[in-house]
Each structure stands twice: as C-alpha cells, then as structure tokens.
Amino acid sequence: MNKKQVIIINKDLDMSKGKIAAQASHASLEAYLKTDKKQRNEWRSRGAKKIIVEAEANKFSEIIRKAERLNISYHKVKDAGHTEIKPGSKTAIGLGPEDASKIDKITSQLKLVK
C-alpha cells in the first residue's frame, strides 16, 4: 500500500525557512520513531514520501484527535525557544508514515508550505 508522512507547520508563527525546516525535521523524525517497524520499513522501501503542509494553530488539536481516532502515529513539536519564537510554541505535527488514504482523511484540505 502507498505510504507517506505528512508534516503540518503552524502557519500562525512567523518562522524563517530555516526554522520551518528544523521544526519539520523534528516532527518527521519523532513521528517516524513512534510508527511500528513494519510501517517504517515499507515506507522507506518505497521512497519515504513526505509532504509538508500548513495549518493554523487552532487546528492542531483537531488534527491530533483525528490521528488518534484513525490510529495514526504522530508527534507534536513544541519549541524550546532558543532562537526565533517563544518557548512552548506549537510549531509542527508529524503524521505517520501511514497509508496515504488514511492520512488524506486528515490533511487533504491543507495547503502546501511555500
């Protein structure tokens, strides 16, 4: 089955492209580590597809509830506050890797980060 990972960036924060990249990396790695080994291996063997989209911070709780309901691994990143934004800011969510059709139920309406 087609697997992918989706990273959701908090579009309400004024993060530089470098900061977005760092937060997306944290979200990707931590969500990956929470996914079972079979899912990880299948995803990696097929190119480790990743999509990065954006959403308002007030959508993060809804995204997490849907992920839990669909049994999709996830990780919510809170910033340490060492650089651009205040400590504890919710910067990103990593979903999966998981079947693309399951993740699409949560993220298909979100726009890609530009």
PDB file of N, CA and C in Angstrom:
ATOM      1  N   MET A   1       0.839  -1.191   0.000  1.00  0.00           N
ATOM      2  CA  MET A   1       0.000   0.000   0.000  1.00  0.00           C
ATOM      3  C   MET A   1       0.878   1.245   0.000  1.00  0.00           C
ATOM      4  N   ASN A   2       0.390   2.305  -0.579  1.00  0.00           N
ATOM      5  CA  ASN A   2       1.111   3.570  -0.675  1.00  0.00           C
ATOM      6  C   ASN A   2       1.192   4.251   0.692  1.00  0.00           C
ATOM      7  N   LYS A   3       2.407   4.494   1.165  1.00  0.00           N
ATOM      8  CA  LYS A   3       2.626   5.130   2.466  1.00  0.00           C
ATOM      9  C   LYS A   3       3.188   6.525   2.268  1.00  0.00           C
ATOM     10  N   LYS A   4       2.878   7.400   3.225  1.00  0.00           N
ATOM     11  CA  LYS A   4       3.501   8.720   3.223  1.00  0.00           C
ATOM     12  C   LYS A   4       3.509   9.264   4.635  1.00  0.00           C
ATOM     13  N   GLN A   5       4.291  10.313   4.790  1.00  0.00           N
ATOM     14  CA  GLN A   5       4.328  11.054   6.038  1.00  0.00           C
ATOM     15  C   GLN A   5       3.950  12.490   5.710  1.00  0.00           C
ATOM     16  N   VAL A   6       3.146  13.102   6.574  1.00  0.00           N
ATOM     17  CA  VAL A   6       2.762  14.493   6.375  1.00  0.00           C
ATOM     18  C   VAL A   6       3.192  15.288   7.600  1.00  0.00           C
ATOM     19  N   ILE A   7       3.821  16.415   7.340  1.00  0.00           N
ATOM     20  CA  ILE A   7       4.243  17.341   8.381  1.00  0.00           C
ATOM     21  C   ILE A   7       3.362  18.585   8.255  1.00  0.00           C
ATOM     22  N   ILE A   8       2.750  18.981   9.356  1.00  0.00           N
ATOM     23  CA  ILE A   8       1.907  20.174   9.376  1.00  0.00           C
ATOM     24  C   ILE A   8       2.654  21.265  10.139  1.00  0.00           C
ATOM     25  N   ILE A   9       2.876  22.389   9.483  1.00  0.00           N
ATOM     26  CA  ILE A   9       3.578  23.530  10.073  1.00  0.00           C
ATOM     27  C   ILE A   9       2.560  24.554  10.562  1.00  0.00           C
ATOM     28  N   ASN A  10       2.828  25.137  11.722  1.00  0.00           N
ATOM     29  CA  ASN A  10       1.969  26.183  12.276  1.00  0.00           C
ATOM     30  C   ASN A  10       2.169  27.462  11.480  1.00  0.00           C
ATOM     31  N   LYS A  11       1.179  27.816  10.669  1.00  0.00           N
ATOM     32  CA  LYS A  11       1.306  28.988   9.803  1.00  0.00           C
ATOM     33  C   LYS A  11       1.094  30.301  10.541  1.00  0.00           C
ATOM     34  N   ASP A  12       0.650  30.234  11.802  1.00  0.00           N
ATOM     35  CA  ASP A  12       0.451  31.454  12.582  1.00  0.00           C
ATOM     36  C   ASP A  12       1.764  32.047  13.096  1.00  0.00           C
ATOM     37  N   LEU A  13       2.807  31.235  13.133  1.00  0.00           N
ATOM     38  CA  LEU A  13       4.104  31.708  13.620  1.00  0.00           C
ATOM     39  C   LEU A  13       4.913  32.265  12.455  1.00  0.00           C
ATOM     40  N   ASP A  14       5.650  33.302  12.719  1.00  0.00           N
ATOM     41  CA  ASP A  14       6.484  33.923  11.690  1.00  0.00           C
ATOM     42  C   ASP A  14       7.870  33.272  11.716  1.00  0.00           C
ATOM     43  N   MET A  15       7.928  32.026  11.235  1.00  0.00           N
ATOM     44  CA  MET A  15       9.197  31.284  11.247  1.00  0.00           C
ATOM     45  C   MET A  15       9.928  31.473   9.928  1.00  0.00           C
ATOM     46  N   SER A  16      11.240  31.592  10.007  1.00  0.00           N
ATOM     47  CA  SER A  16      12.059  31.640   8.791  1.00  0.00           C
ATOM     48  C   SER A  16      12.025  30.273   8.117  1.00  0.00           C
ATOM     49  N   LYS A  17      12.474  30.214   6.887  1.00  0.00           N
ATOM     50  CA  LYS A  17      12.511  28.930   6.173  1.00  0.00           C
ATOM     51  C   LYS A  17      13.410  27.928   6.885  1.00  0.00           C
ATOM     52  N   GLY A  18      14.506  28.414   7.443  1.00  0.00           N
ATOM     53  CA  GLY A  18      15.402  27.524   8.186  1.00  0.00           C
ATOM     54  C   GLY A  18      14.740  26.960   9.430  1.00  0.00           C
ATOM     55  N   LYS A  19      13.997  27.795  10.129  1.00  0.00           N
ATOM     56  CA  LYS A  19      13.284  27.354  11.334  1.00  0.00           C
ATOM     57  C   LYS A  19      12.203  26.346  10.956  1.00  0.00           C
ATOM     58  N   ILE A  20      11.482  26.603   9.875  1.00  0.00           N
ATOM     59  CA  ILE A  20      10.472  25.657   9.398  1.00  0.00           C
ATOM     60  C   ILE A  20      11.119  24.309   9.083  1.00  0.00           C
ATOM     61  N   ALA A  21      12.263  24.353   8.418  1.00  0.00           N
ATOM     62  CA  ALA A  21      12.967  23.104   8.078  1.00  0.00           C
ATOM     63  C   ALA A  21      13.356  22.335   9.337  1.00  0.00           C
ATOM     64  N   ALA A  22      13.857  23.045  10.338  1.00  0.00           N
ATOM     65  CA  ALA A  22      14.257  22.387  11.580  1.00  0.00           C
ATOM     66  C   ALA A  22      13.050  21.772  12.286  1.00  0.00           C
ATOM     67  N   GLN A  23      11.951  22.515  12.376  1.00  0.00           N
ATOM     68  CA  GLN A  23      10.759  22.012  13.055  1.00  0.00           C
ATOM     69  C   GLN A  23      10.142  20.840  12.298  1.00  0.00           C
ATOM     70  N   ALA A  24      10.147  20.914  10.976  1.00  0.00           N
ATOM     71  CA  ALA A  24       9.648  19.797  10.163  1.00  0.00           C
ATOM     72  C   ALA A  24      10.508  18.555  10.372  1.00  0.00           C
ATOM     73  N   SER A  25      11.808  18.748  10.493  1.00  0.00           N
ATOM     74  CA  SER A  25      12.713  17.613  10.740  1.00  0.00           C
ATOM     75  C   SER A  25      12.426  16.965  12.084  1.00  0.00           C
ATOM     76  N   HIS A  26      12.233  17.778  13.116  1.00  0.00           N
ATOM     77  CA  HIS A  26      11.884  17.232  14.439  1.00  0.00           C
ATOM     78  C   HIS A  26      10.593  16.426  14.355  1.00  0.00           C
ATOM     79  N   ALA A  27       9.582  16.998  13.724  1.00  0.00           N
ATOM     80  CA  ALA A  27       8.281  16.334  13.617  1.00  0.00           C
ATOM     81  C   ALA A  27       8.391  15.026  12.838  1.00  0.00           C
ATOM     82  N   SER A  28       9.128  15.056  11.740  1.00  0.00           N
ATOM     83  CA  SER A  28       9.290  13.871  10.900  1.00  0.00           C
ATOM     84  C   SER A  28       9.968  12.736  11.660  1.00  0.00           C
ATOM     85  N   LEU A  29      11.084  13.039  12.264  1.00  0.00           N
ATOM     86  CA  LEU A  29      11.855  12.000  12.963  1.00  0.00           C
ATOM     87  C   LEU A  29      11.070  11.414  14.137  1.00  0.00           C
ATOM     88  N   GLU A  30      10.494  12.265  14.957  1.00  0.00           N
ATOM     89  CA  GLU A  30       9.790  11.766  16.139  1.00  0.00           C
ATOM     90  C   GLU A  30       8.539  10.961  15.774  1.00  0.00           C
ATOM     91  N   ALA A  31       7.792  11.396  14.768  1.00  0.00           N
ATOM     92  CA  ALA A  31       6.622  10.621  14.329  1.00  0.00           C
ATOM     93  C   ALA A  31       7.076   9.279  13.752  1.00  0.00           C
ATOM     94  N   TYR A  32       8.149   9.300  12.986  1.00  0.00           N
ATOM     95  CA  TYR A  32       8.724   8.076  12.414  1.00  0.00           C
ATOM     96  C   TYR A  32       9.057   7.075  13.526  1.00  0.00           C
ATOM     97  N   LEU A  33       9.699   7.551  14.579  1.00  0.00           N
ATOM     98  CA  LEU A  33      10.105   6.664  15.666  1.00  0.00           C
ATOM     99  C   LEU A  33       8.917   6.079  16.429  1.00  0.00           C
ATOM    100  N   LYS A  34       7.768   6.731  16.362  1.00  0.00           N
ATOM    101  CA  LYS A  34       6.562   6.241  17.040  1.00  0.00           C
ATOM    102  C   LYS A  34       5.769   5.250  16.184  1.00  0.00           C
ATOM    103  N   THR A  35       6.155   5.118  14.924  1.00  0.00           N
ATOM    104  CA  THR A  35       5.462   4.227  13.994  1.00  0.00           C
ATOM    105  C   THR A  35       6.054   2.829  14.100  1.00  0.00           C
ATOM    106  N   ASP A  36       5.218   1.816  13.950  1.00  0.00           N
ATOM    107  CA  ASP A  36       5.742   0.457  14.074  1.00  0.00           C
ATOM    108  C   ASP A  36       6.735   0.144  12.953  1.00  0.00           C
ATOM    109  N   LYS A  37       7.610  -0.790  13.253  1.00  0.00           N
ATOM    110  CA  LYS A  37       8.735  -1.109  12.368  1.00  0.00           C
ATOM    111  C   LYS A  37       8.285  -1.548  10.975  1.00  0.00           C
ATOM    112  N   LYS A  38       7.223  -2.317  10.890  1.00  0.00           N
ATOM    113  CA  LYS A  38       6.734  -2.777   9.585  1.00  0.00           C
ATOM    114  C   LYS A  38       6.323  -1.590   8.714  1.00  0.00           C
ATOM    115  N   GLN A  39       5.581  -0.643   9.301  1.00  0.00           N
ATOM    116  CA  GLN A  39       5.161   0.559   8.561  1.00  0.00           C
ATOM    117  C   GLN A  39       6.386   1.359   8.104  1.00  0.00           C
ATOM    118  N   ARG A  40       7.346   1.529   9.007  1.00  0.00           N
ATOM    119  CA  ARG A  40       8.561   2.299   8.685  1.00  0.00           C
ATOM    120  C   ARG A  40       9.315   1.662   7.529  1.00  0.00           C
ATOM    121  N   ASN A  41       9.503   0.354   7.607  1.00  0.00           N
ATOM    122  CA  ASN A  41      10.268  -0.334   6.561  1.00  0.00           C
ATOM    123  C   ASN A  41       9.577  -0.267   5.205  1.00  0.00           C
ATOM    124  N   GLU A  42       8.268  -0.447   5.202  1.00  0.00           N
ATOM    125  CA  GLU A  42       7.529  -0.373   3.942  1.00  0.00           C
ATOM    126  C   GLU A  42       7.623   1.037   3.347  1.00  0.00           C
ATOM    127  N   TRP A  43       7.473   2.042   4.182  1.00  0.00           N
ATOM    128  CA  TRP A  43       7.566   3.445   3.748  1.00  0.00           C
ATOM    129  C   TRP A  43       8.948   3.750   3.185  1.00  0.00           C
ATOM    130  N   ARG A  44       9.972   3.335   3.890  1.00  0.00           N
ATOM    131  CA  ARG A  44      11.341   3.592   3.436  1.00  0.00           C
ATOM    132  C   ARG A  44      11.653   2.860   2.138  1.00  0.00           C
ATOM    133  N   SER A  45      11.157   1.655   1.989  1.00  0.00           N
ATOM    134  CA  SER A  45      11.446   0.874   0.782  1.00  0.00           C
ATOM    135  C   SER A  45      10.796   1.457  -0.464  1.00  0.00           C
ATOM    136  N   ARG A  46       9.822   2.338  -0.265  1.00  0.00           N
ATOM    137  CA  ARG A  46       9.113   2.941  -1.399  1.00  0.00           C
ATOM    138  C   ARG A  46       9.408   4.429  -1.548  1.00  0.00           C
ATOM    139  N   GLY A  47      10.532   4.882  -1.021  1.00  0.00           N
ATOM    140  CA  GLY A  47      10.967   6.258  -1.261  1.00  0.00           C
ATOM    141  C   GLY A  47      10.746   7.240  -0.138  1.00  0.00           C
ATOM    142  N   ALA A  48      10.138   6.818   0.961  1.00  0.00           N
ATOM    143  CA  ALA A  48       9.935   7.673   2.140  1.00  0.00           C
ATOM    144  C   ALA A  48       9.282   9.008   1.789  1.00  0.00           C
ATOM    145  N   LYS A  49       8.158   8.950   1.114  1.00  0.00           N
ATOM    146  CA  LYS A  49       7.434  10.152   0.675  1.00  0.00           C
ATOM    147  C   LYS A  49       7.035  11.015   1.871  1.00  0.00           C
ATOM    148  N   LYS A  50       7.337  12.318   1.765  1.00  0.00           N
ATOM    149  CA  LYS A  50       6.975  13.298   2.787  1.00  0.00           C
ATOM    150  C   LYS A  50       6.312  14.498   2.123  1.00  0.00           C
ATOM    151  N   ILE A  51       5.282  15.012   2.756  1.00  0.00           N
ATOM    152  CA  ILE A  51       4.575  16.202   2.291  1.00  0.00           C
ATOM    153  C   ILE A  51       4.588  17.195   3.453  1.00  0.00           C
ATOM    154  N   ILE A  52       4.830  18.474   3.159  1.00  0.00           N
ATOM    155  CA  ILE A  52       4.800  19.491   4.209  1.00  0.00           C
ATOM    156  C   ILE A  52       3.709  20.499   3.868  1.00  0.00           C
ATOM    157  N   VAL A  53       2.746  20.595   4.781  1.00  0.00           N
ATOM    158  CA  VAL A  53       1.599  21.479   4.615  1.00  0.00           C
ATOM    159  C   VAL A  53       1.541  22.440   5.800  1.00  0.00           C
ATOM    160  N   GLU A  54       0.583  23.364   5.741  1.00  0.00           N
ATOM    161  CA  GLU A  54       0.459  24.319   6.836  1.00  0.00           C
ATOM    162  C   GLU A  54      -0.977  24.398   7.322  1.00  0.00           C
ATOM    163  N   ALA A  55      -1.118  24.764   8.606  1.00  0.00           N
ATOM    164  CA  ALA A  55      -2.435  24.954   9.209  1.00  0.00           C
ATOM    165  C   ALA A  55      -2.298  25.960  10.346  1.00  0.00           C
ATOM    166  N   GLU A  56      -3.417  26.574  10.691  1.00  0.00           N
ATOM    167  CA  GLU A  56      -3.445  27.472  11.830  1.00  0.00           C
ATOM    168  C   GLU A  56      -3.305  26.657  13.113  1.00  0.00           C
ATOM    169  N   ALA A  57      -2.733  27.276  14.126  1.00  0.00           N
ATOM    170  CA  ALA A  57      -2.515  26.599  15.411  1.00  0.00           C
ATOM    171  C   ALA A  57      -3.818  26.072  16.009  1.00  0.00           C
ATOM    172  N   ASN A  58      -4.918  26.780  15.789  1.00  0.00           N
ATOM    173  CA  ASN A  58      -6.184  26.332  16.378  1.00  0.00           C
ATOM    174  C   ASN A  58      -6.705  25.043  15.736  1.00  0.00           C
ATOM    175  N   LYS A  59      -6.094  24.583  14.665  1.00  0.00           N
ATOM    176  CA  LYS A  59      -6.474  23.319  14.011  1.00  0.00           C
ATOM    177  C   LYS A  59      -5.672  22.132  14.546  1.00  0.00           C
ATOM    178  N   PHE A  60      -4.597  22.405  15.306  1.00  0.00           N
ATOM    179  CA  PHE A  60      -3.714  21.336  15.758  1.00  0.00           C
ATOM    180  C   PHE A  60      -4.435  20.295  16.616  1.00  0.00           C
ATOM    181  N   SER A  61      -5.271  20.724  17.544  1.00  0.00           N
ATOM    182  CA  SER A  61      -5.993  19.776  18.413  1.00  0.00           C
ATOM    183  C   SER A  61      -6.911  18.872  17.604  1.00  0.00           C
ATOM    184  N   GLU A  62      -7.590  19.438  16.628  1.00  0.00           N
ATOM    185  CA  GLU A  62      -8.477  18.656  15.764  1.00  0.00           C
ATOM    186  C   GLU A  62      -7.678  17.631  14.953  1.00  0.00           C
ATOM    187  N   ILE A  63      -6.532  18.040  14.431  1.00  0.00           N
ATOM    188  CA  ILE A  63      -5.680  17.132  13.661  1.00  0.00           C
ATOM    189  C   ILE A  63      -5.241  15.969  14.535  1.00  0.00           C
ATOM    190  N   ILE A  64      -4.829  16.261  15.756  1.00  0.00           N
ATOM    191  CA  ILE A  64      -4.386  15.205  16.676  1.00  0.00           C
ATOM    192  C   ILE A  64      -5.540  14.274  17.038  1.00  0.00           C
ATOM    193  N   ARG A  65      -6.718  14.813  17.304  1.00  0.00           N
ATOM    194  CA  ARG A  65      -7.889  13.961  17.607  1.00  0.00           C
ATOM    195  C   ARG A  65      -8.185  13.010  16.451  1.00  0.00           C
ATOM    196  N   LYS A  66      -8.142  13.528  15.234  1.00  0.00           N
ATOM    197  CA  LYS A  66      -8.407  12.678  14.067  1.00  0.00           C
ATOM    198  C   LYS A  66      -7.328  11.603  13.924  1.00  0.00           C
ATOM    199  N   ALA A  67      -6.072  11.964  14.154  1.00  0.00           N
ATOM    200  CA  ALA A  67      -4.978  10.980  14.071  1.00  0.00           C
ATOM    201  C   ALA A  67      -5.182   9.875  15.102  1.00  0.00           C
ATOM    202  N   GLU A  68      -5.546  10.255  16.305  1.00  0.00           N
ATOM    203  CA  GLU A  68      -5.790   9.249  17.349  1.00  0.00           C
ATOM    204  C   GLU A  68      -6.960   8.345  16.977  1.00  0.00           C
ATOM    205  N   ARG A  69      -8.034   8.936  16.445  1.00  0.00           N
ATOM    206  CA  ARG A  69      -9.210   8.155  16.058  1.00  0.00           C
ATOM    207  C   ARG A  69      -8.877   7.156  14.945  1.00  0.00           C
ATOM    208  N   LEU A  70      -7.979   7.563  14.027  1.00  0.00           N
ATOM    209  CA  LEU A  70      -7.593   6.696  12.907  1.00  0.00           C
ATOM    210  C   LEU A  70      -6.369   5.830  13.221  1.00  0.00           C
ATOM    211  N   ASN A  71      -5.879   5.929  14.449  1.00  0.00           N
ATOM    212  CA  ASN A  71      -4.717   5.153  14.897  1.00  0.00           C
ATOM    213  C   ASN A  71      -3.470   5.438  14.044  1.00  0.00           C
ATOM    214  N   ILE A  72      -3.229   6.721  13.797  1.00  0.00           N
ATOM    215  CA  ILE A  72      -2.059   7.170  13.050  1.00  0.00           C
ATOM    216  C   ILE A  72      -1.048   7.729  14.053  1.00  0.00           C
ATOM    217  N   SER A  73       0.192   7.265  13.971  1.00  0.00           N
ATOM    218  CA  SER A  73       1.214   7.802  14.870  1.00  0.00           C
ATOM    219  C   SER A  73       1.449   9.271  14.549  1.00  0.00           C
ATOM    220  N   TYR A  74       1.773  10.042  15.594  1.00  0.00           N
ATOM    221  CA  TYR A  74       2.016  11.473  15.388  1.00  0.00           C
ATOM    222  C   TYR A  74       2.960  11.991  16.462  1.00  0.00           C
ATOM    223  N   HIS A  75       3.496  13.163  16.191  1.00  0.00           N
ATOM    224  CA  HIS A  75       4.295  13.862  17.192  1.00  0.00           C
ATOM    225  C   HIS A  75       4.065  15.359  17.031  1.00  0.00           C
ATOM    226  N   LYS A  76       3.739  16.016  18.145  1.00  0.00           N
ATOM    227  CA  LYS A  76       3.559  17.466  18.152  1.00  0.00           C
ATOM    228  C   LYS A  76       4.839  18.093  18.696  1.00  0.00           C
ATOM    229  N   VAL A  77       5.390  19.041  17.953  1.00  0.00           N
ATOM    230  CA  VAL A  77       6.628  19.701  18.346  1.00  0.00           C
ATOM    231  C   VAL A  77       6.312  20.999  19.072  1.00  0.00           C
ATOM    232  N   LYS A  78       6.938  21.174  20.235  1.00  0.00           N
ATOM    233  CA  LYS A  78       6.881  22.439  20.975  1.00  0.00           C
ATOM    234  C   LYS A  78       8.295  22.993  21.003  1.00  0.00           C
ATOM    235  N   ASP A  79       8.432  24.238  20.623  1.00  0.00           N
ATOM    236  CA  ASP A  79       9.754  24.844  20.504  1.00  0.00           C
ATOM    237  C   ASP A  79      10.375  25.121  21.870  1.00  0.00           C
ATOM    238  N   ALA A  80      11.687  24.981  21.947  1.00  0.00           N
ATOM    239  CA  ALA A  80      12.431  25.256  23.178  1.00  0.00           C
ATOM    240  C   ALA A  80      12.631  26.753  23.400  1.00  0.00           C
ATOM    241  N   GLY A  81      12.473  27.549  22.357  1.00  0.00           N
ATOM    242  CA  GLY A  81      12.575  28.989  22.498  1.00  0.00           C
ATOM    243  C   GLY A  81      13.980  29.545  22.457  1.00  0.00           C
ATOM    244  N   HIS A  82      14.913  28.811  21.883  1.00  0.00           N
ATOM    245  CA  HIS A  82      16.304  29.269  21.835  1.00  0.00           C
ATOM    246  C   HIS A  82      16.573  30.277  20.727  1.00  0.00           C
ATOM    247  N   THR A  83      15.713  30.352  19.721  1.00  0.00           N
ATOM    248  CA  THR A  83      16.030  31.220  18.582  1.00  0.00           C
ATOM    249  C   THR A  83      14.925  32.213  18.273  1.00  0.00           C
ATOM    250  N   GLU A  84      13.981  31.863  17.428  1.00  0.00           N
ATOM    251  CA  GLU A  84      13.051  32.829  16.850  1.00  0.00           C
ATOM    252  C   GLU A  84      11.724  33.012  17.571  1.00  0.00           C
ATOM    253  N   ILE A  85      11.272  32.014  18.276  1.00  0.00           N
ATOM    254  CA  ILE A  85       9.929  32.077  18.841  1.00  0.00           C
ATOM    255  C   ILE A  85       9.940  31.726  20.323  1.00  0.00           C
ATOM    256  N   LYS A  86       8.836  32.041  20.992  1.00  0.00           N
ATOM    257  CA  LYS A  86       8.810  31.852  22.442  1.00  0.00           C
ATOM    258  C   LYS A  86       8.726  30.374  22.819  1.00  0.00           C
ATOM    259  N   PRO A  87       9.308  30.022  23.969  1.00  0.00           N
ATOM    260  CA  PRO A  87       9.294  28.635  24.427  1.00  0.00           C
ATOM    261  C   PRO A  87       7.875  28.079  24.544  1.00  0.00           C
ATOM    262  N   GLY A  88       7.726  26.829  24.169  1.00  0.00           N
ATOM    263  CA  GLY A  88       6.438  26.150  24.271  1.00  0.00           C
ATOM    264  C   GLY A  88       5.519  26.356  23.089  1.00  0.00           C
ATOM    265  N   SER A  89       5.936  27.173  22.118  1.00  0.00           N
ATOM    266  CA  SER A  89       5.102  27.382  20.925  1.00  0.00           C
ATOM    267  C   SER A  89       4.941  26.073  20.169  1.00  0.00           C
ATOM    268  N   LYS A  90       3.717  25.780  19.744  1.00  0.00           N
ATOM    269  CA  LYS A  90       3.445  24.584  18.947  1.00  0.00           C
ATOM    270  C   LYS A  90       3.829  24.902  17.508  1.00  0.00           C
ATOM    271  N   THR A  91       4.879  24.263  17.018  1.00  0.00           N
ATOM    272  CA  THR A  91       5.419  24.611  15.706  1.00  0.00           C
ATOM    273  C   THR A  91       5.031  23.651  14.592  1.00  0.00           C
ATOM    274  N   ALA A  92       4.850  22.372  14.911  1.00  0.00           N
ATOM    275  CA  ALA A  92       4.623  21.382  13.853  1.00  0.00           C
ATOM    276  C   ALA A  92       4.018  20.106  14.424  1.00  0.00           C
ATOM    277  N   ILE A  93       3.403  19.350  13.534  1.00  0.00           N
ATOM    278  CA  ILE A  93       2.929  17.999  13.840  1.00  0.00           C
ATOM    279  C   ILE A  93       3.429  17.091  12.734  1.00  0.00           C
ATOM    280  N   GLY A  94       3.972  15.951  13.097  1.00  0.00           N
ATOM    281  CA  GLY A  94       4.324  14.917  12.136  1.00  0.00           C
ATOM    282  C   GLY A  94       3.298  13.800  12.215  1.00  0.00           C
ATOM    283  N   LEU A  95       2.774  13.379  11.069  1.00  0.00           N
ATOM    284  CA  LEU A  95       1.825  12.264  10.994  1.00  0.00           C
ATOM    285  C   LEU A  95       2.435  11.131  10.196  1.00  0.00           C
ATOM    286  N   GLY A  96       2.438   9.947  10.773  1.00  0.00           N
ATOM    287  CA  GLY A  96       2.904   8.773  10.048  1.00  0.00           C
ATOM    288  C   GLY A  96       4.402   8.604  10.054  1.00  0.00           C
ATOM    289  N   PRO A  97       4.860   7.721   9.206  1.00  0.00           N
ATOM    290  CA  PRO A  97       4.272   7.230   7.963  1.00  0.00           C
ATOM    291  C   PRO A  97       3.095   6.279   8.186  1.00  0.00           C
ATOM    292  N   GLU A  98       2.181   6.385   7.236  1.00  0.00           N
ATOM    293  CA  GLU A  98       0.937   5.613   7.286  1.00  0.00           C
ATOM    294  C   GLU A  98       0.385   5.521   5.872  1.00  0.00           C
ATOM    295  N   ASP A  99      -0.648   4.699   5.703  1.00  0.00           N
ATOM    296  CA  ASP A  99      -1.309   4.603   4.399  1.00  0.00           C
ATOM    297  C   ASP A  99      -1.767   6.000   3.978  1.00  0.00           C
ATOM    298  N   ALA A 100      -1.459   6.352   2.749  1.00  0.00           N
ATOM    299  CA  ALA A 100      -1.792   7.681   2.244  1.00  0.00           C
ATOM    300  C   ALA A 100      -3.283   7.965   2.359  1.00  0.00           C
ATOM    301  N   SER A 101      -4.113   6.980   2.110  1.00  0.00           N
ATOM    302  CA  SER A 101      -5.560   7.199   2.162  1.00  0.00           C
ATOM    303  C   SER A 101      -6.027   7.559   3.569  1.00  0.00           C
ATOM    304  N   LYS A 102      -5.380   7.018   4.591  1.00  0.00           N
ATOM    305  CA  LYS A 102      -5.743   7.357   5.972  1.00  0.00           C
ATOM    306  C   LYS A 102      -5.306   8.785   6.307  1.00  0.00           C
ATOM    307  N   ILE A 103      -4.072   9.130   5.959  1.00  0.00           N
ATOM    308  CA  ILE A 103      -3.566  10.472   6.263  1.00  0.00           C
ATOM    309  C   ILE A 103      -4.353  11.524   5.477  1.00  0.00           C
ATOM    310  N   ASP A 104      -4.734  11.200   4.258  1.00  0.00           N
ATOM    311  CA  ASP A 104      -5.501  12.150   3.436  1.00  0.00           C
ATOM    312  C   ASP A 104      -6.831  12.528   4.082  1.00  0.00           C
ATOM    313  N   LYS A 105      -7.392  11.655   4.905  1.00  0.00           N
ATOM    314  CA  LYS A 105      -8.639  11.970   5.599  1.00  0.00           C
ATOM    315  C   LYS A 105      -8.458  13.149   6.552  1.00  0.00           C
ATOM    316  N   ILE A 106      -7.223  13.398   6.957  1.00  0.00           N
ATOM    317  CA  ILE A 106      -6.919  14.485   7.886  1.00  0.00           C
ATOM    318  C   ILE A 106      -6.357  15.701   7.168  1.00  0.00           C
ATOM    319  N   THR A 107      -5.526  15.480   6.157  1.00  0.00           N
ATOM    320  CA  THR A 107      -4.705  16.573   5.629  1.00  0.00           C
ATOM    321  C   THR A 107      -5.005  16.993   4.188  1.00  0.00           C
ATOM    322  N   SER A 108      -5.917  16.341   3.513  1.00  0.00           N
ATOM    323  CA  SER A 108      -6.118  16.620   2.086  1.00  0.00           C
ATOM    324  C   SER A 108      -6.526  18.057   1.789  1.00  0.00           C
ATOM    325  N   GLN A 109      -7.156  18.725   2.739  1.00  0.00           N
ATOM    326  CA  GLN A 109      -7.612  20.095   2.509  1.00  0.00           C
ATOM    327  C   GLN A 109      -6.556  21.143   2.847  1.00  0.00           C
ATOM    328  N   LEU A 110      -5.423  20.734   3.411  1.00  0.00           N
ATOM    329  CA  LEU A 110      -4.376  21.680   3.808  1.00  0.00           C
ATOM    330  C   LEU A 110      -3.488  22.051   2.620  1.00  0.00           C
ATOM    331  N   LYS A 111      -3.004  23.270   2.615  1.00  0.00           N
ATOM    332  CA  LYS A 111      -2.159  23.766   1.513  1.00  0.00           C
ATOM    333  C   LYS A 111      -0.695  23.478   1.784  1.00  0.00           C
ATOM    334  N   LEU A 112       0.049  23.243   0.698  1.00  0.00           N
ATOM    335  CA  LEU A 112       1.480  23.013   0.815  1.00  0.00           C
ATOM    336  C   LEU A 112       2.188  24.262   1.321  1.00  0.00           C
ATOM    337  N   VAL A 113       3.266  24.052   2.076  1.00  0.00           N
ATOM    338  CA  VAL A 113       4.119  25.157   2.510  1.00  0.00           C
ATOM    339  C   VAL A 113       4.888  25.641   1.298  1.00  0.00           C
ATOM    340  N   LYS A 114       4.980  26.965   1.157  1.00  0.00           N
ATOM    341  CA  LYS A 114       5.718  27.545   0.016  1.00  0.00           C
ATOM    342  C   LYS A 114       6.947  28.264   0.497  1.00  0.00           C
TER     343      LYS A 114
END
